[in-house]
Amino acid sequence: MTAGGHSQYNERIGICTNFGGSMFAVNYTGLRENMKMYLDRVTDDYEPMMVTRKNNKNVVVLSEGAYNNLMENVYLLGNKANYDWLMESKRQLEAGDAHAHKLADD
């Protein structure tokens, strides 16, 4: 079952969150009855899972790898100077101002 929702692009950190396309939803009872299967899907398919609960107290489950990736992006893009540098680099790349360089041998 897929969670209904929307996509939202966060311009500040450059991340698109796609709720509805890649996140699946399961209710609490279904999760409890088939926990191994659902957790394997989260880790093996790198797919977030929403656990729906009463009173809209839903929970999202991510694999450790997905969580670490998200936290790395938040850290890298959370500093304004670093964000500005990355966005300028992106602009240069998109404008064709990038150049390949040979790496020096150790």
PDB file of N, CA and C in Angstrom:
ATOM      1  N   MET A   1       0.850  -1.161   0.000  1.00  0.00           N
ATOM      2  CA  MET A   1       0.000   0.000   0.000  1.00  0.00           C
ATOM      3  C   MET A   1       0.901   1.231   0.000  1.00  0.00           C
ATOM      4  N   THR A   2       0.589   2.229  -0.799  1.00  0.00           N
ATOM      5  CA  THR A   2       1.393   3.441  -0.886  1.00  0.00           C
ATOM      6  C   THR A   2       0.730   4.562  -0.116  1.00  0.00           C
ATOM      7  N   ALA A   3       1.529   5.353   0.578  1.00  0.00           N
ATOM      8  CA  ALA A   3       0.996   6.482   1.333  1.00  0.00           C
ATOM      9  C   ALA A   3       0.600   7.578   0.371  1.00  0.00           C
ATOM     10  N   GLY A   4      -0.608   8.073   0.487  1.00  0.00           N
ATOM     11  CA  GLY A   4      -1.019   9.198  -0.342  1.00  0.00           C
ATOM     12  C   GLY A   4      -0.331  10.449   0.147  1.00  0.00           C
ATOM     13  N   GLY A   5      -0.028  11.367  -0.759  1.00  0.00           N
ATOM     14  CA  GLY A   5       0.660  12.556  -0.291  1.00  0.00           C
ATOM     15  C   GLY A   5       1.119  13.426  -1.415  1.00  0.00           C
ATOM     16  N   HIS A   6       2.256  14.050  -1.230  1.00  0.00           N
ATOM     17  CA  HIS A   6       2.730  15.052  -2.166  1.00  0.00           C
ATOM     18  C   HIS A   6       4.241  15.047  -2.219  1.00  0.00           C
ATOM     19  N   SER A   7       4.748  15.661  -3.274  1.00  0.00           N
ATOM     20  CA  SER A   7       6.189  15.866  -3.372  1.00  0.00           C
ATOM     21  C   SER A   7       6.471  17.308  -2.995  1.00  0.00           C
ATOM     22  N   GLN A   8       7.571  17.504  -2.315  1.00  0.00           N
ATOM     23  CA  GLN A   8       7.937  18.856  -1.907  1.00  0.00           C
ATOM     24  C   GLN A   8       9.429  19.014  -2.091  1.00  0.00           C
ATOM     25  N   TYR A   9       9.829  20.095  -2.774  1.00  0.00           N
ATOM     26  CA  TYR A   9      11.246  20.367  -2.980  1.00  0.00           C
ATOM     27  C   TYR A   9      11.680  21.429  -1.990  1.00  0.00           C
ATOM     28  N   ASN A  10      12.704  21.131  -1.221  1.00  0.00           N
ATOM     29  CA  ASN A  10      13.231  22.088  -0.268  1.00  0.00           C
ATOM     30  C   ASN A  10      14.416  22.774  -0.919  1.00  0.00           C
ATOM     31  N   GLU A  11      14.229  23.996  -1.401  1.00  0.00           N
ATOM     32  CA  GLU A  11      15.265  24.736  -2.125  1.00  0.00           C
ATOM     33  C   GLU A  11      16.481  24.983  -1.247  1.00  0.00           C
ATOM     34  N   ARG A  12      16.285  25.199   0.030  1.00  0.00           N
ATOM     35  CA  ARG A  12      17.391  25.510   0.945  1.00  0.00           C
ATOM     36  C   ARG A  12      18.412  24.386   1.019  1.00  0.00           C
ATOM     37  N   ILE A  13      17.908  23.145   1.101  1.00  0.00           N
ATOM     38  CA  ILE A  13      18.840  22.036   1.224  1.00  0.00           C
ATOM     39  C   ILE A  13      18.913  21.188  -0.041  1.00  0.00           C
ATOM     40  N   GLY A  14      18.125  21.513  -1.057  1.00  0.00           N
ATOM     41  CA  GLY A  14      18.226  20.822  -2.331  1.00  0.00           C
ATOM     42  C   GLY A  14      17.794  19.372  -2.301  1.00  0.00           C
ATOM     43  N   ILE A  15      16.783  19.060  -1.506  1.00  0.00           N
ATOM     44  CA  ILE A  15      16.306  17.682  -1.410  1.00  0.00           C
ATOM     45  C   ILE A  15      14.833  17.653  -1.779  1.00  0.00           C
ATOM     46  N   CYS A  16      14.485  16.690  -2.611  1.00  0.00           N
ATOM     47  CA  CYS A  16      13.084  16.489  -2.954  1.00  0.00           C
ATOM     48  C   CYS A  16      12.562  15.329  -2.126  1.00  0.00           C
ATOM     49  N   THR A  17      11.487  15.574  -1.399  1.00  0.00           N
ATOM     50  CA  THR A  17      10.860  14.501  -0.647  1.00  0.00           C
ATOM     51  C   THR A  17       9.650  14.048  -1.427  1.00  0.00           C
ATOM     52  N   ASN A  18       9.579  12.789  -1.724  1.00  0.00           N
ATOM     53  CA  ASN A  18       8.500  12.259  -2.533  1.00  0.00           C
ATOM     54  C   ASN A  18       7.651  11.331  -1.686  1.00  0.00           C
ATOM     55  N   PHE A  19       6.643  11.865  -1.070  1.00  0.00           N
ATOM     56  CA  PHE A  19       5.730  11.058  -0.289  1.00  0.00           C
ATOM     57  C   PHE A  19       4.603  10.621  -1.203  1.00  0.00           C
ATOM     58  N   GLY A  20       4.505   9.365  -1.435  1.00  0.00           N
ATOM     59  CA  GLY A  20       3.479   8.842  -2.316  1.00  0.00           C
ATOM     60  C   GLY A  20       4.083   8.013  -3.428  1.00  0.00           C
ATOM     61  N   GLY A  21       5.304   8.290  -3.841  1.00  0.00           N
ATOM     62  CA  GLY A  21       5.915   7.538  -4.910  1.00  0.00           C
ATOM     63  C   GLY A  21       6.802   6.428  -4.399  1.00  0.00           C
ATOM     64  N   SER A  22       7.557   6.690  -3.351  1.00  0.00           N
ATOM     65  CA  SER A  22       8.528   5.695  -2.928  1.00  0.00           C
ATOM     66  C   SER A  22       8.345   5.244  -1.479  1.00  0.00           C
ATOM     67  N   MET A  23       7.407   5.792  -0.775  1.00  0.00           N
ATOM     68  CA  MET A  23       7.168   5.377   0.609  1.00  0.00           C
ATOM     69  C   MET A  23       5.927   4.495   0.636  1.00  0.00           C
ATOM     70  N   PHE A  24       6.017   3.377   1.329  1.00  0.00           N
ATOM     71  CA  PHE A  24       4.828   2.550   1.469  1.00  0.00           C
ATOM     72  C   PHE A  24       4.317   2.677   2.897  1.00  0.00           C
ATOM     73  N   ALA A  25       3.047   2.375   3.067  1.00  0.00           N
ATOM     74  CA  ALA A  25       2.419   2.508   4.380  1.00  0.00           C
ATOM     75  C   ALA A  25       1.847   1.171   4.817  1.00  0.00           C
ATOM     76  N   VAL A  26       1.914   0.935   6.108  1.00  0.00           N
ATOM     77  CA  VAL A  26       1.335  -0.254   6.708  1.00  0.00           C
ATOM     78  C   VAL A  26       0.753   0.162   8.058  1.00  0.00           C
ATOM     79  N   ASN A  27      -0.351  -0.457   8.431  1.00  0.00           N
ATOM     80  CA  ASN A  27      -0.898  -0.108   9.749  1.00  0.00           C
ATOM     81  C   ASN A  27      -0.153  -0.877  10.836  1.00  0.00           C
ATOM     82  N   TYR A  28      -0.329  -0.439  12.044  1.00  0.00           N
ATOM     83  CA  TYR A  28       0.402  -0.990  13.185  1.00  0.00           C
ATOM     84  C   TYR A  28       0.185  -2.487  13.328  1.00  0.00           C
ATOM     85  N   THR A  29      -1.043  -2.925  13.162  1.00  0.00           N
ATOM     86  CA  THR A  29      -1.348  -4.357  13.302  1.00  0.00           C
ATOM     87  C   THR A  29      -0.645  -5.169  12.226  1.00  0.00           C
ATOM     88  N   GLY A  30      -0.687  -4.690  10.985  1.00  0.00           N
ATOM     89  CA  GLY A  30      -0.006  -5.386   9.895  1.00  0.00           C
ATOM     90  C   GLY A  30       1.491  -5.461  10.120  1.00  0.00           C
ATOM     91  N   LEU A  31       2.076  -4.376  10.635  1.00  0.00           N
ATOM     92  CA  LEU A  31       3.510  -4.373  10.931  1.00  0.00           C
ATOM     93  C   LEU A  31       3.832  -5.422  11.995  1.00  0.00           C
ATOM     94  N   ARG A  32       3.045  -5.455  13.039  1.00  0.00           N
ATOM     95  CA  ARG A  32       3.294  -6.391  14.136  1.00  0.00           C
ATOM     96  C   ARG A  32       3.216  -7.837  13.651  1.00  0.00           C
ATOM     97  N   GLU A  33       2.282  -8.112  12.746  1.00  0.00           N
ATOM     98  CA  GLU A  33       2.081  -9.479  12.255  1.00  0.00           C
ATOM     99  C   GLU A  33       3.149  -9.900  11.245  1.00  0.00           C
ATOM    100  N   ASN A  34       3.762  -8.931  10.542  1.00  0.00           N
ATOM    101  CA  ASN A  34       4.716  -9.243   9.475  1.00  0.00           C
ATOM    102  C   ASN A  34       5.972  -8.395   9.581  1.00  0.00           C
ATOM    103  N   MET A  35       6.454  -8.205  10.795  1.00  0.00           N
ATOM    104  CA  MET A  35       7.550  -7.262  11.025  1.00  0.00           C
ATOM    105  C   MET A  35       8.796  -7.601  10.210  1.00  0.00           C
ATOM    106  N   LYS A  36       9.220  -8.849  10.195  1.00  0.00           N
ATOM    107  CA  LYS A  36      10.436  -9.209   9.462  1.00  0.00           C
ATOM    108  C   LYS A  36      10.307  -8.850   7.984  1.00  0.00           C
ATOM    109  N   MET A  37       9.185  -9.194   7.375  1.00  0.00           N
ATOM    110  CA  MET A  37       8.988  -8.910   5.958  1.00  0.00           C
ATOM    111  C   MET A  37       9.076  -7.402   5.684  1.00  0.00           C
ATOM    112  N   TYR A  38       8.407  -6.606   6.503  1.00  0.00           N
ATOM    113  CA  TYR A  38       8.396  -5.162   6.277  1.00  0.00           C
ATOM    114  C   TYR A  38       9.766  -4.538   6.539  1.00  0.00           C
ATOM    115  N   LEU A  39      10.431  -4.980   7.601  1.00  0.00           N
ATOM    116  CA  LEU A  39      11.755  -4.420   7.880  1.00  0.00           C
ATOM    117  C   LEU A  39      12.758  -4.834   6.815  1.00  0.00           C
ATOM    118  N   ASP A  40      12.634  -6.042   6.283  1.00  0.00           N
ATOM    119  CA  ASP A  40      13.486  -6.456   5.169  1.00  0.00           C
ATOM    120  C   ASP A  40      13.234  -5.570   3.948  1.00  0.00           C
ATOM    121  N   ARG A  41      11.991  -5.232   3.707  1.00  0.00           N
ATOM    122  CA  ARG A  41      11.668  -4.353   2.576  1.00  0.00           C
ATOM    123  C   ARG A  41      12.309  -2.978   2.763  1.00  0.00           C
ATOM    124  N   VAL A  42      12.282  -2.460   3.972  1.00  0.00           N
ATOM    125  CA  VAL A  42      12.897  -1.158   4.260  1.00  0.00           C
ATOM    126  C   VAL A  42      14.403  -1.206   4.021  1.00  0.00           C
ATOM    127  N   THR A  43      15.049  -2.265   4.492  1.00  0.00           N
ATOM    128  CA  THR A  43      16.508  -2.335   4.369  1.00  0.00           C
ATOM    129  C   THR A  43      16.954  -2.830   2.998  1.00  0.00           C
ATOM    130  N   ASP A  44      16.320  -3.853   2.464  1.00  0.00           N
ATOM    131  CA  ASP A  44      16.758  -4.441   1.197  1.00  0.00           C
ATOM    132  C   ASP A  44      16.411  -3.572  -0.006  1.00  0.00           C
ATOM    133  N   ASP A  45      15.243  -2.944   0.025  1.00  0.00           N
ATOM    134  CA  ASP A  45      14.790  -2.118  -1.107  1.00  0.00           C
ATOM    135  C   ASP A  45      15.051  -0.637  -0.887  1.00  0.00           C
ATOM    136  N   TYR A  46      15.662  -0.290   0.244  1.00  0.00           N
ATOM    137  CA  TYR A  46      16.003   1.104   0.558  1.00  0.00           C
ATOM    138  C   TYR A  46      14.766   1.989   0.432  1.00  0.00           C
ATOM    139  N   GLU A  47      13.644   1.480   0.979  1.00  0.00           N
ATOM    140  CA  GLU A  47      12.353   2.143   0.835  1.00  0.00           C
ATOM    141  C   GLU A  47      11.798   2.524   2.206  1.00  0.00           C
ATOM    142  N   PRO A  48      11.503   3.806   2.435  1.00  0.00           N
ATOM    143  CA  PRO A  48      10.932   4.200   3.732  1.00  0.00           C
ATOM    144  C   PRO A  48       9.536   3.617   3.914  1.00  0.00           C
ATOM    145  N   MET A  49       9.165   3.401   5.162  1.00  0.00           N
ATOM    146  CA  MET A  49       7.850   2.852   5.488  1.00  0.00           C
ATOM    147  C   MET A  49       7.156   3.762   6.491  1.00  0.00           C
ATOM    148  N   MET A  50       5.895   4.060   6.233  1.00  0.00           N
ATOM    149  CA  MET A  50       5.086   4.804   7.189  1.00  0.00           C
ATOM    150  C   MET A  50       4.219   3.807   7.946  1.00  0.00           C
ATOM    151  N   VAL A  51       4.292   3.864   9.259  1.00  0.00           N
ATOM    152  CA  VAL A  51       3.428   3.042  10.101  1.00  0.00           C
ATOM    153  C   VAL A  51       2.285   3.944  10.539  1.00  0.00           C
ATOM    154  N   THR A  52       1.077   3.611  10.073  1.00  0.00           N
ATOM    155  CA  THR A  52      -0.083   4.428  10.413  1.00  0.00           C
ATOM    156  C   THR A  52      -0.645   3.972  11.754  1.00  0.00           C
ATOM    157  N   ARG A  53      -1.014   4.965  12.559  1.00  0.00           N
ATOM    158  CA  ARG A  53      -1.524   4.697  13.900  1.00  0.00           C
ATOM    159  C   ARG A  53      -2.742   5.563  14.154  1.00  0.00           C
ATOM    160  N   LYS A  54      -3.472   5.236  15.199  1.00  0.00           N
ATOM    161  CA  LYS A  54      -4.652   6.008  15.576  1.00  0.00           C
ATOM    162  C   LYS A  54      -4.273   7.443  15.898  1.00  0.00           C
ATOM    163  N   ASN A  55      -5.212   8.332  15.730  1.00  0.00           N
ATOM    164  CA  ASN A  55      -5.057   9.754  16.038  1.00  0.00           C
ATOM    165  C   ASN A  55      -3.910  10.398  15.250  1.00  0.00           C
ATOM    166  N   ASN A  56      -3.643   9.847  14.085  1.00  0.00           N
ATOM    167  CA  ASN A  56      -2.617  10.406  13.180  1.00  0.00           C
ATOM    168  C   ASN A  56      -1.241  10.502  13.838  1.00  0.00           C
ATOM    169  N   LYS A  57      -0.911   9.568  14.705  1.00  0.00           N
ATOM    170  CA  LYS A  57       0.409   9.516  15.334  1.00  0.00           C
ATOM    171  C   LYS A  57       1.300   8.562  14.540  1.00  0.00           C
ATOM    172  N   ASN A  58       1.451   8.861  13.257  1.00  0.00           N
ATOM    173  CA  ASN A  58       2.200   8.002  12.342  1.00  0.00           C
ATOM    174  C   ASN A  58       3.701   8.092  12.597  1.00  0.00           C
ATOM    175  N   VAL A  59       4.402   7.050  12.191  1.00  0.00           N
ATOM    176  CA  VAL A  59       5.850   6.944  12.358  1.00  0.00           C
ATOM    177  C   VAL A  59       6.452   6.542  11.022  1.00  0.00           C
ATOM    178  N   VAL A  60       7.612   7.101  10.691  1.00  0.00           N
ATOM    179  CA  VAL A  60       8.324   6.713   9.483  1.00  0.00           C
ATOM    180  C   VAL A  60       9.541   5.890   9.885  1.00  0.00           C
ATOM    181  N   VAL A  61       9.736   4.762   9.216  1.00  0.00           N
ATOM    182  CA  VAL A  61      10.866   3.878   9.473  1.00  0.00           C
ATOM    183  C   VAL A  61      11.802   3.946   8.269  1.00  0.00           C
ATOM    184  N   LEU A  62      13.086   4.221   8.546  1.00  0.00           N
ATOM    185  CA  LEU A  62      14.117   4.290   7.516  1.00  0.00           C
ATOM    186  C   LEU A  62      15.195   3.264   7.820  1.00  0.00           C
ATOM    187  N   SER A  63      15.882   2.809   6.784  1.00  0.00           N
ATOM    188  CA  SER A  63      17.053   1.972   7.026  1.00  0.00           C
ATOM    189  C   SER A  63      18.141   2.852   7.630  1.00  0.00           C
ATOM    190  N   GLU A  64      19.105   2.229   8.277  1.00  0.00           N
ATOM    191  CA  GLU A  64      20.215   2.988   8.843  1.00  0.00           C
ATOM    192  C   GLU A  64      20.966   3.746   7.754  1.00  0.00           C
ATOM    193  N   GLY A  65      21.143   3.121   6.601  1.00  0.00           N
ATOM    194  CA  GLY A  65      21.831   3.779   5.492  1.00  0.00           C
ATOM    195  C   GLY A  65      21.091   5.017   5.008  1.00  0.00           C
ATOM    196  N   ALA A  66      19.765   4.916   4.891  1.00  0.00           N
ATOM    197  CA  ALA A  66      18.962   6.068   4.458  1.00  0.00           C
ATOM    198  C   ALA A  66      19.031   7.186   5.495  1.00  0.00           C
ATOM    199  N   TYR A  67      18.959   6.827   6.763  1.00  0.00           N
ATOM    200  CA  TYR A  67      19.052   7.819   7.838  1.00  0.00           C
ATOM    201  C   TYR A  67      20.411   8.518   7.815  1.00  0.00           C
ATOM    202  N   ASN A  68      21.493   7.732   7.700  1.00  0.00           N
ATOM    203  CA  ASN A  68      22.830   8.322   7.669  1.00  0.00           C
ATOM    204  C   ASN A  68      22.998   9.249   6.477  1.00  0.00           C
ATOM    205  N   ASN A  69      22.460   8.852   5.312  1.00  0.00           N
ATOM    206  CA  ASN A  69      22.518   9.694   4.126  1.00  0.00           C
ATOM    207  C   ASN A  69      21.776  11.006   4.358  1.00  0.00           C
ATOM    208  N   LEU A  70      20.606  10.923   4.935  1.00  0.00           N
ATOM    209  CA  LEU A  70      19.811  12.114   5.220  1.00  0.00           C
ATOM    210  C   LEU A  70      20.542  13.047   6.179  1.00  0.00           C
ATOM    211  N   MET A  71      21.117  12.489   7.250  1.00  0.00           N
ATOM    212  CA  MET A  71      21.828  13.317   8.220  1.00  0.00           C
ATOM    213  C   MET A  71      23.078  13.946   7.616  1.00  0.00           C
ATOM    214  N   GLU A  72      23.763  13.234   6.728  1.00  0.00           N
ATOM    215  CA  GLU A  72      24.929  13.797   6.059  1.00  0.00           C
ATOM    216  C   GLU A  72      24.527  14.981   5.194  1.00  0.00           C
ATOM    217  N   ASN A  73      23.424  14.844   4.462  1.00  0.00           N
ATOM    218  CA  ASN A  73      22.945  15.956   3.636  1.00  0.00           C
ATOM    219  C   ASN A  73      22.532  17.153   4.478  1.00  0.00           C
ATOM    220  N   VAL A  74      21.853  16.900   5.573  1.00  0.00           N
ATOM    221  CA  VAL A  74      21.455  17.992   6.471  1.00  0.00           C
ATOM    222  C   VAL A  74      22.694  18.708   6.998  1.00  0.00           C
ATOM    223  N   TYR A  75      23.708  17.944   7.391  1.00  0.00           N
ATOM    224  CA  TYR A  75      24.939  18.534   7.913  1.00  0.00           C
ATOM    225  C   TYR A  75      25.657  19.349   6.832  1.00  0.00           C
ATOM    226  N   LEU A  76      25.845  18.747   5.663  1.00  0.00           N
ATOM    227  CA  LEU A  76      26.588  19.427   4.595  1.00  0.00           C
ATOM    228  C   LEU A  76      25.881  20.685   4.100  1.00  0.00           C
ATOM    229  N   LEU A  77      24.560  20.635   4.054  1.00  0.00           N
ATOM    230  CA  LEU A  77      23.813  21.761   3.512  1.00  0.00           C
ATOM    231  C   LEU A  77      23.300  22.708   4.588  1.00  0.00           C
ATOM    232  N   GLY A  78      23.528  22.378   5.854  1.00  0.00           N
ATOM    233  CA  GLY A  78      23.043  23.203   6.949  1.00  0.00           C
ATOM    234  C   GLY A  78      23.890  24.433   7.218  1.00  0.00           C
ATOM    235  N   ASN A  79      25.140  24.424   6.767  1.00  0.00           N
ATOM    236  CA  ASN A  79      26.030  25.565   6.937  1.00  0.00           C
ATOM    237  C   ASN A  79      25.874  26.477   5.721  1.00  0.00           C
ATOM    238  N   LYS A  80      25.513  27.741   5.934  1.00  0.00           N
ATOM    239  CA  LYS A  80      25.225  28.648   4.817  1.00  0.00           C
ATOM    240  C   LYS A  80      26.399  28.782   3.867  1.00  0.00           C
ATOM    241  N   ALA A  81      27.616  28.921   4.382  1.00  0.00           N
ATOM    242  CA  ALA A  81      28.785  29.073   3.509  1.00  0.00           C
ATOM    243  C   ALA A  81      28.978  27.825   2.651  1.00  0.00           C
ATOM    244  N   ASN A  82      28.838  26.660   3.252  1.00  0.00           N
ATOM    245  CA  ASN A  82      28.979  25.411   2.503  1.00  0.00           C
ATOM    246  C   ASN A  82      27.859  25.270   1.483  1.00  0.00           C
ATOM    247  N   TYR A  83      26.629  25.612   1.878  1.00  0.00           N
ATOM    248  CA  TYR A  83      25.487  25.562   0.969  1.00  0.00           C
ATOM    249  C   TYR A  83      25.729  26.468  -0.231  1.00  0.00           C
ATOM    250  N   ASP A  84      26.159  27.702   0.023  1.00  0.00           N
ATOM    251  CA  ASP A  84      26.417  28.654  -1.066  1.00  0.00           C
ATOM    252  C   ASP A  84      27.501  28.140  -2.007  1.00  0.00           C
ATOM    253  N   TRP A  85      28.568  27.557  -1.445  1.00  0.00           N
ATOM    254  CA  TRP A  85      29.657  27.016  -2.258  1.00  0.00           C
ATOM    255  C   TRP A  85      29.151  25.868  -3.138  1.00  0.00           C
ATOM    256  N   LEU A  86      28.349  24.975  -2.542  1.00  0.00           N
ATOM    257  CA  LEU A  86      27.803  23.857  -3.312  1.00  0.00           C
ATOM    258  C   LEU A  86      26.855  24.331  -4.406  1.00  0.00           C
ATOM    259  N   MET A  87      26.027  25.322  -4.121  1.00  0.00           N
ATOM    260  CA  MET A  87      25.096  25.834  -5.120  1.00  0.00           C
ATOM    261  C   MET A  87      25.841  26.549  -6.256  1.00  0.00           C
ATOM    262  N   GLU A  88      26.920  27.250  -5.934  1.00  0.00           N
ATOM    263  CA  GLU A  88      27.736  27.884  -6.969  1.00  0.00           C
ATOM    264  C   GLU A  88      28.402  26.816  -7.830  1.00  0.00           C
ATOM    265  N   SER A  89      28.898  25.762  -7.225  1.00  0.00           N
ATOM    266  CA  SER A  89      29.499  24.659  -7.974  1.00  0.00           C
ATOM    267  C   SER A  89      28.466  24.010  -8.885  1.00  0.00           C
ATOM    268  N   LYS A  90      27.266  23.830  -8.384  1.00  0.00           N
ATOM    269  CA  LYS A  90      26.180  23.251  -9.182  1.00  0.00           C
ATOM    270  C   LYS A  90      25.857  24.157 -10.362  1.00  0.00           C
ATOM    271  N   ARG A  91      25.784  25.467 -10.117  1.00  0.00           N
ATOM    272  CA  ARG A  91      25.494  26.416 -11.185  1.00  0.00           C
ATOM    273  C   ARG A  91      26.563  26.343 -12.265  1.00  0.00           C
ATOM    274  N   GLN A  92      27.837  26.296 -11.855  1.00  0.00           N
ATOM    275  CA  GLN A  92      28.941  26.216 -12.813  1.00  0.00           C
ATOM    276  C   GLN A  92      28.851  24.937 -13.640  1.00  0.00           C
ATOM    277  N   LEU A  93      28.548  23.834 -13.005  1.00  0.00           N
ATOM    278  CA  LEU A  93      28.429  22.554 -13.706  1.00  0.00           C
ATOM    279  C   LEU A  93      27.305  22.610 -14.734  1.00  0.00           C
ATOM    280  N   GLU A  94      26.156  23.135 -14.321  1.00  0.00           N
ATOM    281  CA  GLU A  94      25.014  23.228 -15.229  1.00  0.00           C
ATOM    282  C   GLU A  94      25.268  24.187 -16.385  1.00  0.00           C
ATOM    283  N   ALA A  95      26.123  25.191 -16.170  1.00  0.00           N
ATOM    284  CA  ALA A  95      26.455  26.162 -17.215  1.00  0.00           C
ATOM    285  C   ALA A  95      27.576  25.658 -18.123  1.00  0.00           C
ATOM    286  N   GLY A  96      28.095  24.483 -17.828  1.00  0.00           N
ATOM    287  CA  GLY A  96      29.168  23.930 -18.650  1.00  0.00           C
ATOM    288  C   GLY A  96      30.535  24.487 -18.317  1.00  0.00           C
ATOM    289  N   ASP A  97      30.672  25.081 -17.146  1.00  0.00           N
ATOM    290  CA  ASP A  97      31.942  25.678 -16.726  1.00  0.00           C
ATOM    291  C   ASP A  97      32.814  24.706 -15.933  1.00  0.00           C
ATOM    292  N   ALA A  98      32.528  23.419 -16.017  1.00  0.00           N
ATOM    293  CA  ALA A  98      33.306  22.432 -15.272  1.00  0.00           C
ATOM    294  C   ALA A  98      34.436  21.905 -16.156  1.00  0.00           C
ATOM    295  N   HIS A  99      35.534  21.566 -15.547  1.00  0.00           N
ATOM    296  CA  HIS A  99      36.683  21.046 -16.264  1.00  0.00           C
ATOM    297  C   HIS A  99      37.212  19.807 -15.550  1.00  0.00           C
ATOM    298  N   ALA A 100      37.580  18.807 -16.331  1.00  0.00           N
ATOM    299  CA  ALA A 100      38.160  17.582 -15.753  1.00  0.00           C
ATOM    300  C   ALA A 100      39.630  17.830 -15.464  1.00  0.00           C
ATOM    301  N   HIS A 101      40.086  17.317 -14.347  1.00  0.00           N
ATOM    302  CA  HIS A 101      41.476  17.438 -13.950  1.00  0.00           C
ATOM    303  C   HIS A 101      42.018  16.049 -13.660  1.00  0.00           C
ATOM    304  N   LYS A 102      43.245  15.816 -14.048  1.00  0.00           N
ATOM    305  CA  LYS A 102      43.898  14.560 -13.724  1.00  0.00           C
ATOM    306  C   LYS A 102      44.380  14.640 -12.279  1.00  0.00           C
ATOM    307  N   LEU A 103      44.101  13.596 -11.522  1.00  0.00           N
ATOM    308  CA  LEU A 103      44.532  13.559 -10.134  1.00  0.00           C
ATOM    309  C   LEU A 103      46.010  13.250 -10.056  1.00  0.00           C
ATOM    310  N   ALA A 104      46.671  13.879  -9.132  1.00  0.00           N
ATOM    311  CA  ALA A 104      48.098  13.642  -8.932  1.00  0.00           C
ATOM    312  C   ALA A 104      48.318  12.270  -8.323  1.00  0.00           C
ATOM    313  N   ASP A 105      49.361  11.596  -8.733  1.00  0.00           N
ATOM    314  CA  ASP A 105      49.720  10.304  -8.159  1.00  0.00           C
ATOM    315  C   ASP A 105      50.398  10.522  -6.817  1.00  0.00           C
ATOM    316  N   ASP A 106      50.165   9.603  -5.898  1.00  0.00           N
ATOM    317  CA  ASP A 106      50.807   9.692  -4.585  1.00  0.00           C
ATOM    318  C   ASP A 106      52.262   9.272  -4.683  1.00  0.00           C
TER     319      ASP A 106
END
